[in-house]
PDB file of N, CA and C in Angstrom:
ATOM      1  N   MET A   1    -117.741 -67.721 -46.316  1.00  0.00           N
ATOM      2  CA  MET A   1    -118.431 -67.483 -47.559  1.00  0.00           C
ATOM      3  C   MET A   1    -118.125 -66.052 -47.984  1.00  0.00           C
ATOM      4  N   ILE A   2    -117.534 -65.910 -49.147  1.00  0.00           N
ATOM      5  CA  ILE A   2    -117.189 -64.593 -49.663  1.00  0.00           C
ATOM      6  C   ILE A   2    -117.968 -64.362 -50.951  1.00  0.00           C
ATOM      7  N   LEU A   3    -118.708 -63.276 -50.994  1.00  0.00           N
ATOM      8  CA  LEU A   3    -119.460 -62.913 -52.192  1.00  0.00           C
ATOM      9  C   LEU A   3    -118.933 -61.584 -52.712  1.00  0.00           C
ATOM     10  N   ILE A   4    -118.697 -61.542 -54.016  1.00  0.00           N
ATOM     11  CA  ILE A   4    -118.151 -60.336 -54.642  1.00  0.00           C
ATOM     12  C   ILE A   4    -119.023 -59.948 -55.821  1.00  0.00           C
ATOM     13  N   GLU A   5    -119.412 -58.681 -55.870  1.00  0.00           N
ATOM     14  CA  GLU A   5    -120.160 -58.127 -56.997  1.00  0.00           C
ATOM     15  C   GLU A   5    -119.259 -57.086 -57.644  1.00  0.00           C
ATOM     16  N   ALA A   6    -118.988 -57.239 -58.921  1.00  0.00           N
ATOM     17  CA  ALA A   6    -118.146 -56.285 -59.647  1.00  0.00           C
ATOM     18  C   ALA A   6    -118.985 -55.578 -60.698  1.00  0.00           C
ATOM     19  N   GLN A   7    -118.874 -54.262 -60.748  1.00  0.00           N
ATOM     20  CA  GLN A   7    -119.646 -53.449 -61.686  1.00  0.00           C
ATOM     21  C   GLN A   7    -118.786 -52.327 -62.234  1.00  0.00           C
ATOM     22  N   SER A   8    -119.017 -51.977 -63.490  1.00  0.00           N
ATOM     23  CA  SER A   8    -118.350 -50.810 -64.059  1.00  0.00           C
ATOM     24  C   SER A   8    -119.326 -49.645 -64.198  1.00  0.00           C
ATOM     25  N   THR A   9    -120.615 -49.921 -64.022  1.00  0.00           N
ATOM     26  CA  THR A   9    -121.649 -48.888 -64.073  1.00  0.00           C
ATOM     27  C   THR A   9    -122.299 -48.796 -62.700  1.00  0.00           C
ATOM     28  N   TRP A  10    -122.380 -47.589 -62.148  1.00  0.00           N
ATOM     29  CA  TRP A  10    -122.918 -47.414 -60.809  1.00  0.00           C
ATOM     30  C   TRP A  10    -124.438 -47.510 -60.789  1.00  0.00           C
ATOM     31  N   THR A  11    -124.944 -48.231 -59.791  1.00  0.00           N
ATOM     32  CA  THR A  11    -126.370 -48.275 -59.499  1.00  0.00           C
ATOM     33  C   THR A  11    -126.542 -48.672 -58.039  1.00  0.00           C
ATOM     34  N   MET A  12    -127.518 -48.104 -57.371  1.00  0.00           N
ATOM     35  CA  MET A  12    -127.790 -48.476 -55.985  1.00  0.00           C
ATOM     36  C   MET A  12    -128.310 -49.907 -55.895  1.00  0.00           C
ATOM     37  N   ASN A  13    -128.740 -50.468 -57.019  1.00  0.00           N
ATOM     38  CA  ASN A  13    -129.251 -51.841 -57.020  1.00  0.00           C
ATOM     39  C   ASN A  13    -128.162 -52.878 -56.784  1.00  0.00           C
ATOM     40  N   ILE A  14    -126.898 -52.469 -56.829  1.00  0.00           N
ATOM     41  CA  ILE A  14    -125.813 -53.386 -56.524  1.00  0.00           C
ATOM     42  C   ILE A  14    -126.038 -54.004 -55.150  1.00  0.00           C
ATOM     43  N   PHE A  15    -126.438 -53.205 -54.184  1.00  0.00           N
ATOM     44  CA  PHE A  15    -126.617 -53.689 -52.822  1.00  0.00           C
ATOM     45  C   PHE A  15    -127.787 -54.662 -52.713  1.00  0.00           C
ATOM     46  N   VAL A  16    -128.816 -54.425 -53.488  1.00  0.00           N
ATOM     47  CA  VAL A  16    -129.956 -55.343 -53.509  1.00  0.00           C
ATOM     48  C   VAL A  16    -129.519 -56.682 -54.086  1.00  0.00           C
ATOM     49  N   ARG A  17    -128.759 -56.642 -55.170  1.00  0.00           N
ATOM     50  CA  ARG A  17    -128.289 -57.886 -55.797  1.00  0.00           C
ATOM     51  C   ARG A  17    -127.393 -58.676 -54.845  1.00  0.00           C
ATOM     52  N   VAL A  18    -126.493 -57.987 -54.137  1.00  0.00           N
ATOM     53  CA  VAL A  18    -125.612 -58.668 -53.192  1.00  0.00           C
ATOM     54  C   VAL A  18    -126.434 -59.358 -52.103  1.00  0.00           C
ATOM     55  N   LEU A  19    -127.457 -58.688 -51.611  1.00  0.00           N
ATOM     56  CA  LEU A  19    -128.328 -59.289 -50.602  1.00  0.00           C
ATOM     57  C   LEU A  19    -129.032 -60.532 -51.143  1.00  0.00           C
ATOM     58  N   LEU A  20    -129.504 -60.469 -52.382  1.00  0.00           N
ATOM     59  CA  LEU A  20    -130.157 -61.628 -53.001  1.00  0.00           C
ATOM     60  C   LEU A  20    -129.165 -62.763 -53.233  1.00  0.00           C
ATOM     61  N   TYR A  21    -127.926 -62.439 -53.629  1.00  0.00           N
ATOM     62  CA  TYR A  21    -126.898 -63.466 -53.789  1.00  0.00           C
ATOM     63  C   TYR A  21    -126.624 -64.154 -52.458  1.00  0.00           C
ATOM     64  N   LEU A  22    -126.576 -63.372 -51.382  1.00  0.00           N
ATOM     65  CA  LEU A  22    -126.324 -63.934 -50.057  1.00  0.00           C
ATOM     66  C   LEU A  22    -127.450 -64.884 -49.653  1.00  0.00           C
ATOM     67  N   ALA A  23    -128.689 -64.465 -49.849  1.00  0.00           N
ATOM     68  CA  ALA A  23    -129.836 -65.315 -49.501  1.00  0.00           C
ATOM     69  C   ALA A  23    -129.811 -66.611 -50.307  1.00  0.00           C
ATOM     70  N   GLN A  24    -129.524 -66.523 -51.611  1.00  0.00           N
ATOM     71  CA  GLN A  24    -129.475 -67.714 -52.459  1.00  0.00           C
ATOM     72  C   GLN A  24    -128.324 -68.629 -52.043  1.00  0.00           C
ATOM     73  N   SER A  25    -127.192 -68.055 -51.704  1.00  0.00           N
ATOM     74  CA  SER A  25    -126.040 -68.856 -51.284  1.00  0.00           C
ATOM     75  C   SER A  25    -126.331 -69.602 -49.989  1.00  0.00           C
ATOM     76  N   TYR A  26    -126.973 -68.933 -49.032  1.00  0.00           N
ATOM     77  CA  TYR A  26    -127.346 -69.619 -47.786  1.00  0.00           C
ATOM     78  C   TYR A  26    -128.372 -70.716 -48.059  1.00  0.00           C
ATOM     79  N   HIS A  27    -129.314 -70.452 -48.930  1.00  0.00           N
ATOM     80  CA  HIS A  27    -130.322 -71.467 -49.270  1.00  0.00           C
ATOM     81  C   HIS A  27    -129.640 -72.720 -49.836  1.00  0.00           C
ATOM     82  N   GLU A  28    -128.716 -72.531 -50.770  1.00  0.00           N
ATOM     83  CA  GLU A  28    -127.989 -73.658 -51.348  1.00  0.00           C
ATOM     84  C   GLU A  28    -127.137 -74.362 -50.292  1.00  0.00           C
ATOM     85  N   TYR A  29    -126.530 -73.595 -49.389  1.00  0.00           N
ATOM     86  CA  TYR A  29    -125.722 -74.172 -48.318  1.00  0.00           C
ATOM     87  C   TYR A  29    -126.578 -75.074 -47.423  1.00  0.00           C
ATOM     88  N   PHE A  30    -127.766 -74.593 -47.054  1.00  0.00           N
ATOM     89  CA  PHE A  30    -128.643 -75.394 -46.197  1.00  0.00           C
ATOM     90  C   PHE A  30    -129.085 -76.674 -46.894  1.00  0.00           C
ATOM     91  N   GLN A  31    -129.321 -76.600 -48.185  1.00  0.00           N
ATOM     92  CA  GLN A  31    -129.692 -77.805 -48.936  1.00  0.00           C
ATOM     93  C   GLN A  31    -128.529 -78.792 -48.979  1.00  0.00           C
ATOM     94  N   CYS A  32    -127.332 -78.313 -49.250  1.00  0.00           N
ATOM     95  CA  CYS A  32    -126.161 -79.187 -49.348  1.00  0.00           C
ATOM     96  C   CYS A  32    -125.804 -79.834 -48.014  1.00  0.00           C
ATOM     97  N   THR A  33    -126.065 -79.125 -46.931  1.00  0.00           N
ATOM     98  CA  THR A  33    -125.734 -79.654 -45.605  1.00  0.00           C
ATOM     99  C   THR A  33    -126.933 -80.316 -44.938  1.00  0.00           C
ATOM    100  N   SER A  34    -128.044 -80.429 -45.661  1.00  0.00           N
ATOM    101  CA  SER A  34    -129.283 -81.069 -45.159  1.00  0.00           C
ATOM    102  C   SER A  34    -129.779 -80.461 -43.855  1.00  0.00           C
ATOM    103  N   GLN A  35    -129.653 -79.143 -43.735  1.00  0.00           N
ATOM    104  CA  GLN A  35    -130.170 -78.454 -42.550  1.00  0.00           C
ATOM    105  C   GLN A  35    -131.568 -77.919 -42.861  1.00  0.00           C
ATOM    106  N   ASN A  36    -132.437 -78.001 -41.874  1.00  0.00           N
ATOM    107  CA  ASN A  36    -133.804 -77.539 -42.050  1.00  0.00           C
ATOM    108  C   ASN A  36    -134.012 -76.285 -41.205  1.00  0.00           C
ATOM    109  N   TYR A  37    -134.130 -75.141 -41.852  1.00  0.00           N
ATOM    110  CA  TYR A  37    -134.279 -73.876 -41.125  1.00  0.00           C
ATOM    111  C   TYR A  37    -135.710 -73.620 -40.683  1.00  0.00           C
ATOM    112  N   TYR A  38    -136.646 -74.544 -40.967  1.00  0.00           N
ATOM    113  CA  TYR A  38    -138.020 -74.411 -40.489  1.00  0.00           C
ATOM    114  C   TYR A  38    -138.215 -75.069 -39.120  1.00  0.00           C
ATOM    115  N   LYS A  39    -137.262 -75.882 -38.696  1.00  0.00           N
ATOM    116  CA  LYS A  39    -137.355 -76.529 -37.385  1.00  0.00           C
ATOM    117  C   LYS A  39    -136.814 -75.599 -36.309  1.00  0.00           C
ATOM    118  N   SER A  40    -137.005 -75.976 -35.057  1.00  0.00           N
ATOM    119  CA  SER A  40    -136.587 -75.112 -33.959  1.00  0.00           C
ATOM    120  C   SER A  40    -135.099 -75.233 -33.647  1.00  0.00           C
ATOM    121  N   LYS A  41    -134.430 -76.273 -34.153  1.00  0.00           N
ATOM    122  CA  LYS A  41    -133.000 -76.425 -33.916  1.00  0.00           C
ATOM    123  C   LYS A  41    -132.236 -75.347 -34.687  1.00  0.00           C
ATOM    124  N   LYS A  42    -131.294 -74.718 -34.000  1.00  0.00           N
ATOM    125  CA  LYS A  42    -130.500 -73.654 -34.617  1.00  0.00           C
ATOM    126  C   LYS A  42    -129.637 -74.233 -35.737  1.00  0.00           C
ATOM    127  N   VAL A  43    -129.658 -73.590 -36.900  1.00  0.00           N
ATOM    128  CA  VAL A  43    -128.842 -74.030 -38.027  1.00  0.00           C
ATOM    129  C   VAL A  43    -127.436 -73.445 -37.900  1.00  0.00           C
ATOM    130  N   LYS A  44    -126.473 -74.141 -38.480  1.00  0.00           N
ATOM    131  CA  LYS A  44    -125.095 -73.658 -38.498  1.00  0.00           C
ATOM    132  C   LYS A  44    -124.873 -72.938 -39.824  1.00  0.00           C
ATOM    133  N   MET A  45    -124.353 -71.714 -39.720  1.00  0.00           N
ATOM    134  CA  MET A  45    -124.141 -70.890 -40.909  1.00  0.00           C
ATOM    135  C   MET A  45    -122.690 -70.428 -40.959  1.00  0.00           C
ATOM    136  N   PRO A  46    -122.091 -70.459 -42.151  1.00  0.00           N
ATOM    137  CA  PRO A  46    -120.742 -69.906 -42.265  1.00  0.00           C
ATOM    138  C   PRO A  46    -120.788 -68.381 -42.186  1.00  0.00           C
ATOM    139  N   LYS A  47    -119.707 -67.801 -41.673  1.00  0.00           N
ATOM    140  CA  LYS A  47    -119.613 -66.336 -41.677  1.00  0.00           C
ATOM    141  C   LYS A  47    -119.543 -65.865 -43.118  1.00  0.00           C
ATOM    142  N   HIS A  48    -120.085 -64.719 -43.357  1.00  0.00           N
ATOM    143  CA  HIS A  48    -120.062 -64.187 -44.716  1.00  0.00           C
ATOM    144  C   HIS A  48    -119.302 -62.869 -44.759  1.00  0.00           C
ATOM    145  N   GLU A  49    -118.739 -62.614 -45.921  1.00  0.00           N
ATOM    146  CA  GLU A  49    -118.099 -61.336 -46.225  1.00  0.00           C
ATOM    147  C   GLU A  49    -118.668 -60.886 -47.563  1.00  0.00           C
ATOM    148  N   LEU A  50    -119.090 -59.645 -47.621  1.00  0.00           N
ATOM    149  CA  LEU A  50    -119.680 -59.097 -48.838  1.00  0.00           C
ATOM    150  C   LEU A  50    -118.813 -57.946 -49.340  1.00  0.00           C
ATOM    151  N   TYR A  51    -118.483 -57.993 -50.621  1.00  0.00           N
ATOM    152  CA  TYR A  51    -117.666 -56.948 -51.214  1.00  0.00           C
ATOM    153  C   TYR A  51    -118.321 -56.475 -52.508  1.00  0.00           C
ATOM    154  N   VAL A  52    -118.240 -55.186 -52.739  1.00  0.00           N
ATOM    155  CA  VAL A  52    -118.669 -54.610 -54.009  1.00  0.00           C
ATOM    156  C   VAL A  52    -117.447 -53.917 -54.601  1.00  0.00           C
ATOM    157  N   ILE A  53    -117.091 -54.335 -55.808  1.00  0.00           N
ATOM    158  CA  ILE A  53    -115.965 -53.732 -56.503  1.00  0.00           C
ATOM    159  C   ILE A  53    -116.528 -52.877 -57.631  1.00  0.00           C
ATOM    160  N   PHE A  54    -116.303 -51.597 -57.534  1.00  0.00           N
ATOM    161  CA  PHE A  54    -116.796 -50.651 -58.538  1.00  0.00           C
ATOM    162  C   PHE A  54    -115.599 -50.119 -59.308  1.00  0.00           C
ATOM    163  N   THR A  55    -115.577 -50.348 -60.607  1.00  0.00           N
ATOM    164  CA  THR A  55    -114.416 -49.971 -61.416  1.00  0.00           C
ATOM    165  C   THR A  55    -114.681 -48.772 -62.316  1.00  0.00           C
ATOM    166  N   GLY A  56    -115.865 -48.211 -62.233  1.00  0.00           N
ATOM    167  CA  GLY A  56    -116.204 -47.074 -63.094  1.00  0.00           C
ATOM    168  C   GLY A  56    -116.005 -45.747 -62.391  1.00  0.00           C
ATOM    169  N   ASN A  57    -116.612 -44.729 -62.964  1.00  0.00           N
ATOM    170  CA  ASN A  57    -116.556 -43.383 -62.409  1.00  0.00           C
ATOM    171  C   ASN A  57    -117.989 -42.933 -62.193  1.00  0.00           C
ATOM    172  N   LYS A  58    -118.407 -42.851 -60.937  1.00  0.00           N
ATOM    173  CA  LYS A  58    -119.801 -42.538 -60.611  1.00  0.00           C
ATOM    174  C   LYS A  58    -120.232 -41.184 -61.148  1.00  0.00           C
ATOM    175  N   GLY A  59    -119.330 -40.224 -61.197  1.00  0.00           N
ATOM    176  CA  GLY A  59    -119.702 -38.873 -61.622  1.00  0.00           C
ATOM    177  C   GLY A  59    -119.598 -38.642 -63.123  1.00  0.00           C
ATOM    178  N   CYS A  60    -119.080 -39.597 -63.851  1.00  0.00           N
ATOM    179  CA  CYS A  60    -118.860 -39.418 -65.282  1.00  0.00           C
ATOM    180  C   CYS A  60    -119.981 -40.084 -66.072  1.00  0.00           C
ATOM    181  N   LYS A  61    -120.592 -39.337 -66.982  1.00  0.00           N
ATOM    182  CA  LYS A  61    -121.638 -39.892 -67.848  1.00  0.00           C
ATOM    183  C   LYS A  61    -121.123 -39.921 -69.273  1.00  0.00           C
ATOM    184  N   ARG A  62    -121.407 -41.004 -69.959  1.00  0.00           N
ATOM    185  CA  ARG A  62    -120.992 -41.119 -71.351  1.00  0.00           C
ATOM    186  C   ARG A  62    -121.987 -40.405 -72.259  1.00  0.00           C
ATOM    187  N   ILE A  63    -121.474 -39.735 -73.254  1.00  0.00           N
ATOM    188  CA  ILE A  63    -122.305 -39.087 -74.246  1.00  0.00           C
ATOM    189  C   ILE A  63    -121.996 -39.719 -75.593  1.00  0.00           C
ATOM    190  N   PHE A  64    -123.003 -40.271 -76.243  1.00  0.00           N
ATOM    191  CA  PHE A  64    -122.803 -40.932 -77.529  1.00  0.00           C
ATOM    192  C   PHE A  64    -123.305 -40.061 -78.639  1.00  0.00           C
TER     193      PHE A  64
END
């Protein structure tokens, strides 16, 4: 499972969003595979890779 967040404006909230995307993706995966994570049987989870692609300039501020 590969999740990618791309942003042109810097914010520390990027990491929060990536974490929420990961949680939602696992939730959907468990539903699709009919796994119940509330039972004591260990669920099978795909390995994940998280990437943040930042295309802006963190130190540059726009003046309008």
